[in-house]
Protein backbone atom coordinates (compact mmCIF):
# COMPACT_ATOMS: atom_id res chain seq x y z
CA MET A 1 40.72 115.19 26.38
CA LYS A 2 37.70 114.69 24.09
CA ARG A 3 37.81 115.10 20.35
CA LEU A 4 34.74 116.68 18.91
CA THR A 5 35.26 115.14 15.51
CA ASP A 6 36.83 111.91 14.10
CA VAL A 7 38.36 110.88 10.80
CA GLY A 8 34.97 109.73 9.50
CA TYR A 9 33.45 113.22 10.08
CA TRP A 10 36.16 114.93 7.97
CA ASP A 11 36.18 112.26 5.24
CA LYS A 12 32.39 112.36 4.85
CA HIS A 13 31.80 116.02 5.03
CA TRP A 14 34.97 117.59 3.73
CA TRP A 15 37.65 115.55 2.01
CA GLY A 16 35.56 112.84 0.42
CA PRO A 17 33.46 115.25 -1.78
CA ALA A 18 36.26 117.69 -2.37
CA SER A 19 38.39 118.05 -5.45
CA PRO A 20 41.89 119.61 -5.78
CA GLN A 21 41.93 123.40 -5.63
CA ARG A 22 44.23 126.38 -5.78
CA LEU A 23 43.89 129.22 -3.38
CA ARG A 24 41.69 131.99 -4.86
CA PHE A 25 40.99 135.19 -3.15
CA LEU A 26 37.78 136.36 -4.83
CA TYR A 27 35.18 134.69 -2.69
CA ARG A 28 36.97 134.70 0.71
CA ASP A 29 39.09 137.79 1.52
CA VAL A 30 39.76 136.03 4.85
CA ASP A 31 42.24 133.89 2.90
CA LEU A 32 44.00 136.92 1.62
CA GLU A 33 44.23 138.55 4.99
CA PHE A 34 45.55 135.30 6.54
CA VAL A 35 48.35 135.10 4.02
CA ARG A 36 49.25 138.73 4.72
CA LEU A 37 49.40 137.92 8.39
CA ILE A 38 51.65 135.02 7.76
CA ARG A 39 53.91 137.13 5.62
CA LYS A 40 54.28 139.80 8.19
CA LEU A 41 55.40 137.28 10.80
CA ALA A 42 57.57 134.97 8.65
CA GLY A 43 60.05 137.57 7.47
CA ARG A 44 62.46 135.57 5.48
CA ALA A 45 61.74 133.73 2.13
CA ASP A 46 62.90 130.26 3.29
CA CYS A 47 60.60 130.18 6.40
CA ARG A 48 60.16 126.62 7.73
CA THR A 49 56.38 126.40 8.04
CA LEU A 50 54.11 123.71 9.44
CA GLU A 51 50.31 123.56 9.15
CA ALA A 52 48.61 121.28 11.70
CA GLY A 53 45.38 119.76 10.49
CA ALA A 54 46.40 120.51 6.92
CA GLY A 55 44.08 118.12 5.14
CA GLY A 56 43.02 119.72 1.86
CA SER A 57 44.99 122.88 2.61
CA ARG A 58 45.29 125.44 -0.22
CA ILE A 59 47.29 127.79 1.88
CA LEU A 60 50.39 125.72 2.23
CA PRO A 61 50.84 125.13 -1.59
CA TYR A 62 50.24 128.90 -2.11
CA LEU A 63 52.99 129.80 0.46
CA ALA A 64 55.39 127.30 -1.13
CA ARG A 65 54.76 128.32 -4.73
CA LYS A 66 54.43 132.07 -4.29
CA TYR A 67 56.99 132.74 -1.58
CA GLY A 68 59.36 129.71 -1.52
CA TYR A 69 58.47 128.68 2.07
CA GLN A 70 59.65 125.17 3.19
CA THR A 71 56.25 123.82 3.96
CA VAL A 72 55.00 120.66 5.82
CA GLY A 73 51.40 119.67 6.48
CA THR A 74 50.25 117.11 8.91
CA ASP A 75 46.77 115.57 9.29
CA PHE A 76 45.21 112.35 10.61
CA SER A 77 42.92 111.82 7.51
CA HIS A 78 44.34 109.78 4.60
CA LEU A 79 41.80 111.42 2.27
CA GLY A 80 42.76 114.83 3.55
CA CYS A 81 46.48 114.18 3.05
CA ARG A 82 45.94 112.87 -0.52
CA LEU A 83 43.98 116.03 -1.27
CA LEU A 84 46.78 118.20 0.06
CA GLN A 85 49.28 116.31 -2.12
CA ALA A 86 46.99 116.91 -5.12
CA ASN A 87 46.77 120.64 -4.24
CA PHE A 88 50.57 120.82 -4.04
CA ALA A 89 50.78 119.24 -7.53
CA LEU A 90 48.00 121.53 -8.93
CA ALA A 91 49.90 124.55 -7.68
CA ASP A 92 53.23 123.21 -9.09
CA ALA A 93 54.61 123.49 -5.52
CA THR A 94 56.69 121.27 -3.40
CA GLY A 95 55.83 120.42 0.32
CA GLY A 96 55.92 117.63 2.76
CA VAL A 97 52.76 115.70 3.77
CA ILE A 98 52.70 113.70 6.94
CA CYS A 99 49.63 111.52 7.73
CA GLU A 100 49.52 110.94 11.46
CA ASP A 101 47.72 111.86 14.67
CA LEU A 102 48.54 115.33 16.13
CA PHE A 103 49.20 113.69 19.56
CA ALA A 104 51.53 111.00 18.20
CA SER A 105 53.74 113.05 15.90
CA SER A 106 57.03 111.80 14.52
CA LEU A 107 58.24 115.39 13.93
CA ARG A 108 61.12 116.63 15.92
CA PRO A 109 60.36 119.41 18.32
CA GLU A 110 61.29 123.04 17.88
CA ILE A 111 62.24 122.88 14.20
CA PHE A 112 59.78 125.28 12.56
CA ASP A 113 59.96 129.06 12.31
CA LEU A 114 56.22 129.29 12.04
CA VAL A 115 53.41 126.81 13.04
CA PHE A 116 49.79 127.46 12.26
CA SER A 117 46.36 125.83 12.02
CA PHE A 118 43.38 127.15 10.20
CA GLY A 119 40.29 126.06 12.08
CA LEU A 120 41.50 123.00 14.12
CA ILE A 121 41.75 123.76 17.86
CA GLU A 122 37.97 124.46 18.25
CA HIS A 123 37.32 120.70 17.52
CA PHE A 124 38.72 119.66 20.93
CA ASP A 125 37.26 120.21 24.33
CA ASP A 126 40.71 120.84 25.96
CA THR A 127 42.02 123.71 23.85
CA ARG A 128 45.12 124.24 25.86
CA ALA A 129 46.33 120.65 25.35
CA VAL A 130 46.01 120.90 21.55
CA VAL A 131 47.69 124.33 21.45
CA SER A 132 50.51 122.98 23.54
CA GLU A 133 51.09 120.32 20.71
CA HIS A 134 51.36 123.10 18.21
CA LEU A 135 53.82 124.99 20.40
CA ARG A 136 56.07 121.94 20.77
CA TRP A 137 57.06 122.25 17.07
CA VAL A 138 57.88 126.01 17.18
CA ARG A 139 61.59 126.92 17.54
CA PRO A 140 62.61 129.45 20.18
CA GLY A 141 61.87 132.88 18.71
CA GLY A 142 59.29 131.39 16.27
CA TRP A 143 55.68 132.21 15.81
CA LEU A 144 52.49 130.39 16.53
CA VAL A 145 49.43 131.43 14.51
CA LEU A 146 45.91 130.11 15.33
CA THR A 147 42.56 130.67 13.64
CA VAL A 148 39.07 129.69 14.69
CA PRO A 149 35.67 130.33 13.15
CA ASN A 150 34.03 133.42 14.61
CA LEU A 151 31.07 131.51 16.18
CA GLU A 152 29.92 134.49 18.14
CA GLY A 153 29.32 136.39 14.95
CA TRP A 154 26.74 136.02 12.11
CA ASN A 155 28.29 132.90 10.64
CA GLY A 156 28.21 131.10 13.96
CA ARG A 157 24.49 132.07 14.50
CA LEU A 158 23.74 130.79 11.06
CA MET A 159 25.43 127.47 11.77
CA LYS A 160 23.82 127.08 15.15
CA LYS A 161 20.34 127.61 13.62
CA LEU A 162 20.70 125.75 10.33
CA ALA A 163 23.28 123.11 11.05
CA PRO A 164 23.10 121.86 14.64
CA PRO A 165 25.12 118.60 13.90
CA HIS A 166 28.05 120.78 12.72
CA TRP A 167 27.64 123.26 15.54
CA SER A 168 27.94 120.51 18.03
CA ARG A 169 31.40 119.62 16.72
CA HIS A 170 32.75 123.07 17.63
CA LYS A 171 33.81 124.79 20.82
CA VAL A 172 33.07 128.45 20.95
CA LEU A 173 36.24 130.51 21.59
CA SER A 174 36.54 134.25 21.95
CA ARG A 175 39.43 136.57 21.28
CA ARG A 176 39.97 137.09 25.11
CA GLN A 177 40.12 133.31 25.58
CA LEU A 178 42.66 132.81 22.89
CA ALA A 179 44.91 135.63 24.11
CA ASP A 180 44.69 134.50 27.72
CA MET A 181 45.63 130.94 26.74
CA LEU A 182 48.63 131.95 24.70
CA LYS A 183 49.94 134.19 27.50
CA SER A 184 49.46 131.34 29.99
CA LEU A 185 51.61 129.14 27.77
CA GLY A 186 54.44 131.71 28.03
CA LEU A 187 54.20 133.36 24.64
CA GLU A 188 55.11 136.88 24.11
CA ARG A 189 53.83 139.61 21.77
CA VAL A 190 50.47 138.05 21.78
CA ARG A 191 47.69 139.74 19.83
CA THR A 192 44.29 138.78 18.45
CA GLY A 193 41.89 140.09 15.85
CA CYS A 194 39.30 139.40 13.21
CA LEU A 195 40.00 138.21 9.70
CA GLY A 196 37.85 138.79 6.63
CA SER A 197 35.27 141.45 5.98
CA PHE A 198 32.21 139.31 5.34
CA TYR A 199 31.60 135.65 4.45
CA LEU A 200 28.48 133.65 5.16
CA GLN A 201 28.23 129.94 4.29
CA ILE A 202 25.42 127.47 3.80
CA GLY A 203 26.46 123.91 3.08
CA THR A 204 24.82 121.31 1.02
CA ASP A 205 25.63 118.21 3.08
CA ALA A 206 23.26 116.35 5.41
CA GLY A 207 24.53 118.22 8.45
CA TRP A 208 22.51 121.32 7.47
CA THR A 209 19.31 119.89 8.91
CA GLY A 210 17.71 123.24 9.35
CA LEU A 211 17.32 123.48 5.55
CA GLU A 212 15.16 120.39 5.37
CA GLN A 213 11.97 122.40 5.58
CA TRP A 214 13.04 124.79 2.91
CA PRO A 215 11.62 124.45 -0.57
CA ARG A 216 13.79 122.28 -2.77
CA LEU A 217 14.69 125.10 -5.13
CA ALA A 218 15.66 127.39 -2.23
CA ARG A 219 17.95 124.69 -0.77
CA LYS A 220 19.62 124.28 -4.15
CA LEU A 221 20.05 127.97 -4.93
CA ALA A 222 20.95 129.37 -1.54
CA PRO A 223 24.62 128.24 -1.43
CA HIS A 224 25.28 129.50 -4.95
CA LEU A 225 23.58 132.87 -4.31
CA LEU A 226 25.53 133.34 -1.14
CA ARG A 227 28.77 132.47 -2.99
CA VAL A 228 28.00 135.28 -5.49
CA ALA A 229 27.16 137.75 -2.73
CA ASN A 230 30.33 136.84 -0.73
CA GLY A 231 32.48 137.38 -3.85
CA LEU A 232 30.88 140.77 -4.65
CA LEU A 233 31.15 141.99 -1.03
CA SER A 234 34.72 140.72 -0.77
CA LEU A 235 35.66 142.70 -3.89
CA PHE A 236 33.95 145.76 -2.65
CA PHE A 237 35.68 145.78 0.75
CA ARG A 238 39.05 145.06 -0.92
CA LEU A 239 38.76 148.19 -3.05
CA LEU A 240 38.22 150.33 0.13
CA PRO A 241 41.23 152.22 1.62
CA VAL A 242 40.71 150.52 4.93
CA ARG A 243 40.17 146.84 5.94
CA PRO A 244 36.85 146.61 7.78
CA HIS A 245 37.05 143.63 10.09
CA PHE A 246 34.22 143.59 12.59
CA GLN A 247 33.33 141.15 15.41
CA MET A 248 29.91 140.26 13.95
CA THR A 249 30.64 140.16 10.23
CA SER A 250 34.16 138.70 10.10
CA PRO A 251 34.07 134.89 9.69
CA THR A 252 37.38 134.13 11.42
CA LEU A 253 39.35 135.07 14.59
CA PHE A 254 43.10 134.87 14.92
CA ALA A 255 45.68 134.80 17.60
CA VAL A 256 49.40 135.01 17.29
CA GLY A 257 52.23 134.76 19.78
CA ARG A 258 56.03 134.45 19.75
CA LYS A 259 57.81 131.66 21.55
CA GLN A 260 60.43 133.01 23.87
CA SER A 261 64.01 132.75 22.65
CA THR A 262 66.54 130.64 24.46
CA ASP A 263 68.22 133.87 25.76
CA ASN A 264 64.94 135.11 27.18
CA ARG A 265 64.33 131.78 28.89
CA SER A 266 67.65 131.77 30.66
CA SER A 267 67.46 135.45 31.88
CA PRO A 268 66.26 136.10 35.43
């Protein structure tokens, strides 16, 4: 199996420049929709929840603080883990942080009610292998939740054109591929969908090589202008009586499945 990223990539482009943050829903309604999805599946207040690839996560501290979930995050980046710890402290929440490789985990199998990752599995060429590692931690009857960036939509097209180095670190996955994979692993009640109404992103790091020919002022202003536009559009869509999630405009795809219970496994 080939990794499309390494620790250095995440430390340089994500965790090194980042500062502690709380989860805020104004600019990214995809975060709000993801929390709603988790809440529908989790059911009870003391849900034992694990996030794989949790470096810098804002979702885990929110779930712990707001809903009392028993949360654990695991990541192979020491900078990402320190940022997650800082996010827990900022949110005045309690959660476990384990800094280790996904494929050499010290966690006992089948102890979590819900396991999720938010943009992780697309960074491996063998998607089935990395999803199998997620599934190892899910208790019988528990839920697996996966999200990937919608690289077939507008956001993916923008990244492919303006940030080829980042694009090369991703594997394009469709809803059909995600559903077929979860079913092939024996999960039941599998469903997929789009998350978020609209969110476009232009970064400021060196990976956005397509911006090098832009005027300096445009390079500087574009990320901030997009941030304002994202916030206004997110607020507009949130006020609508329906949640418009479309294949081209939604920034994220999700797939969920339930691990068969012990009773189901033993039945003919």
